[in-house]
Protein backbone atom coordinates (compact mmCIF):
# COMPACT_ATOMS: atom_id res chain seq x y z
CA MET A 1 -173.69 -57.85 126.15
CA ARG A 2 -176.72 -57.89 123.99
CA GLN A 3 -177.43 -60.42 121.30
CA ALA A 4 -178.08 -59.28 117.76
CA GLN A 5 -179.52 -61.35 114.97
CA ASN A 6 -177.96 -61.08 111.56
CA THR A 7 -179.79 -61.55 108.28
CA ARG A 8 -179.04 -65.30 108.16
CA GLY A 9 -180.81 -65.96 111.42
CA THR A 10 -177.74 -66.80 113.50
CA ARG A 11 -176.83 -64.76 116.52
CA HIS A 12 -173.61 -62.96 117.31
CA ARG A 13 -172.52 -60.81 120.21
CA THR A 14 -172.28 -57.09 119.91
CA THR A 15 -170.92 -54.69 122.43
CA PRO A 16 -172.82 -51.55 123.31
CA ARG A 17 -171.45 -48.48 121.63
CA THR A 18 -169.75 -45.96 123.80
CA PRO A 19 -169.80 -42.36 122.67
CA ARG A 20 -166.50 -40.96 121.49
CA PRO A 21 -165.10 -38.12 123.60
CA GLN A 22 -166.06 -34.71 122.31
CA ALA A 23 -163.75 -31.72 122.34
CA ASN A 24 -165.12 -29.15 124.72
CA ALA A 25 -164.35 -25.84 126.27
CA GLY A 26 -162.86 -27.71 129.24
CA SER A 27 -159.58 -27.89 127.33
CA ARG A 28 -159.13 -24.14 127.82
CA PRO A 29 -159.93 -21.76 130.63
CA PRO A 30 -163.18 -19.82 130.35
CA ILE A 31 -162.75 -16.87 127.99
CA ASN A 32 -163.50 -14.34 130.71
CA GLU A 33 -160.63 -15.77 132.79
CA MET A 34 -158.01 -15.59 130.02
CA THR A 35 -155.38 -12.91 129.89
CA LEU A 36 -155.27 -10.90 126.67
CA ASP A 37 -152.21 -12.86 125.56
CA GLU A 38 -153.98 -16.18 126.24
CA LEU A 39 -157.07 -14.94 124.40
CA ARG A 40 -155.05 -13.87 121.37
CA ALA A 41 -153.26 -17.22 121.31
CA TRP A 42 -156.55 -19.12 121.60
CA ILE A 43 -158.12 -17.08 118.80
CA GLY A 44 -155.07 -17.69 116.60
CA SER A 45 -154.94 -21.44 117.19
CA THR A 46 -158.70 -21.80 116.82
CA ARG A 47 -158.65 -19.80 113.57
CA SER A 48 -155.81 -21.95 112.22
CA ALA A 49 -157.56 -25.21 113.14
CA LEU A 50 -160.83 -24.03 111.60
CA GLN A 51 -159.10 -22.97 108.38
CA LYS A 52 -157.41 -26.39 108.12
CA LYS A 53 -160.76 -28.11 108.73
CA MET A 54 -162.38 -26.04 106.01
CA ALA A 55 -159.57 -26.86 103.56
CA ARG A 56 -159.89 -30.61 104.27
CA GLU A 57 -163.64 -30.49 103.75
CA ARG A 58 -163.32 -28.39 100.58
CA ALA A 59 -160.75 -30.84 99.15
CA TYR A 60 -163.07 -33.75 100.03
CA LEU A 61 -166.02 -32.06 98.33
CA ASP A 62 -163.92 -31.19 95.27
CA ARG A 63 -162.67 -34.80 94.91
CA ARG A 64 -166.21 -36.13 95.14
CA ALA A 65 -167.54 -33.54 92.70
CA ALA A 66 -164.82 -34.53 90.21
CA ARG A 67 -166.16 -38.10 90.39
CA GLY A 68 -169.74 -36.89 89.96
CA THR A 69 -170.69 -37.89 93.51
CA TYR A 70 -173.10 -35.77 95.51
CA THR A 71 -174.99 -37.04 98.55
CA PRO A 72 -176.82 -35.48 101.49
CA THR A 73 -173.52 -35.63 103.39
CA ASP A 74 -171.87 -33.53 100.69
CA GLU A 75 -174.74 -31.07 100.97
CA ALA A 76 -174.23 -30.89 104.74
CA TYR A 77 -170.47 -30.36 104.34
CA ALA A 78 -171.12 -27.56 101.84
CA ALA A 79 -173.48 -25.92 104.33
CA ASP A 80 -170.84 -26.38 107.04
CA GLN A 81 -168.42 -24.36 104.90
CA LEU A 82 -170.76 -21.35 105.20
CA LEU A 83 -171.08 -21.80 108.96
CA GLU A 84 -167.32 -22.15 109.36
CA ALA A 85 -166.72 -18.99 107.30
CA ASP A 86 -169.10 -17.17 109.64
CA LEU A 87 -167.23 -18.53 112.66
CA LEU A 88 -163.94 -17.30 111.16
CA ALA A 89 -165.45 -13.84 110.74
CA MET A 90 -166.65 -13.99 114.35
CA LEU A 91 -163.12 -14.84 115.52
CA ASP A 92 -161.80 -11.85 113.58
CA GLU A 93 -164.37 -9.57 115.22
CA PHE A 94 -163.63 -11.07 118.62
CA GLU A 95 -159.92 -10.42 118.11
CA GLN A 96 -160.67 -6.78 117.23
CA LEU A 97 -162.77 -6.42 120.39
CA ALA A 98 -159.98 -7.92 122.47
CA SER A 99 -157.51 -5.47 120.94
CA GLY A 100 -159.87 -2.64 121.86
CA ILE A 101 -159.85 -3.77 125.49
CA GLU A 102 -156.08 -3.43 125.60
CA ALA A 103 -156.04 0.11 124.16
């Protein structure tokens, strides 16, 4: 363990930070290996999760705006809303392409 010095000049032990696990594509098969049913299910669940994420962030931003709070983090979350809306549109287009494959 490393030693860190606090502002009073005394030392205390800190443990090194370990990165938190990140969600990754390993939790699903590669898209090109999915059946059409698996692909549709993945698109649906991903769309639902993304919509819930957007709603949580929007509610957070609205609560903070009501209190008159706006920070760089709020600005980043607002920008994320645009990115997430684009990703939702991409999922819709992807679903249409997948339906075209079946026809």
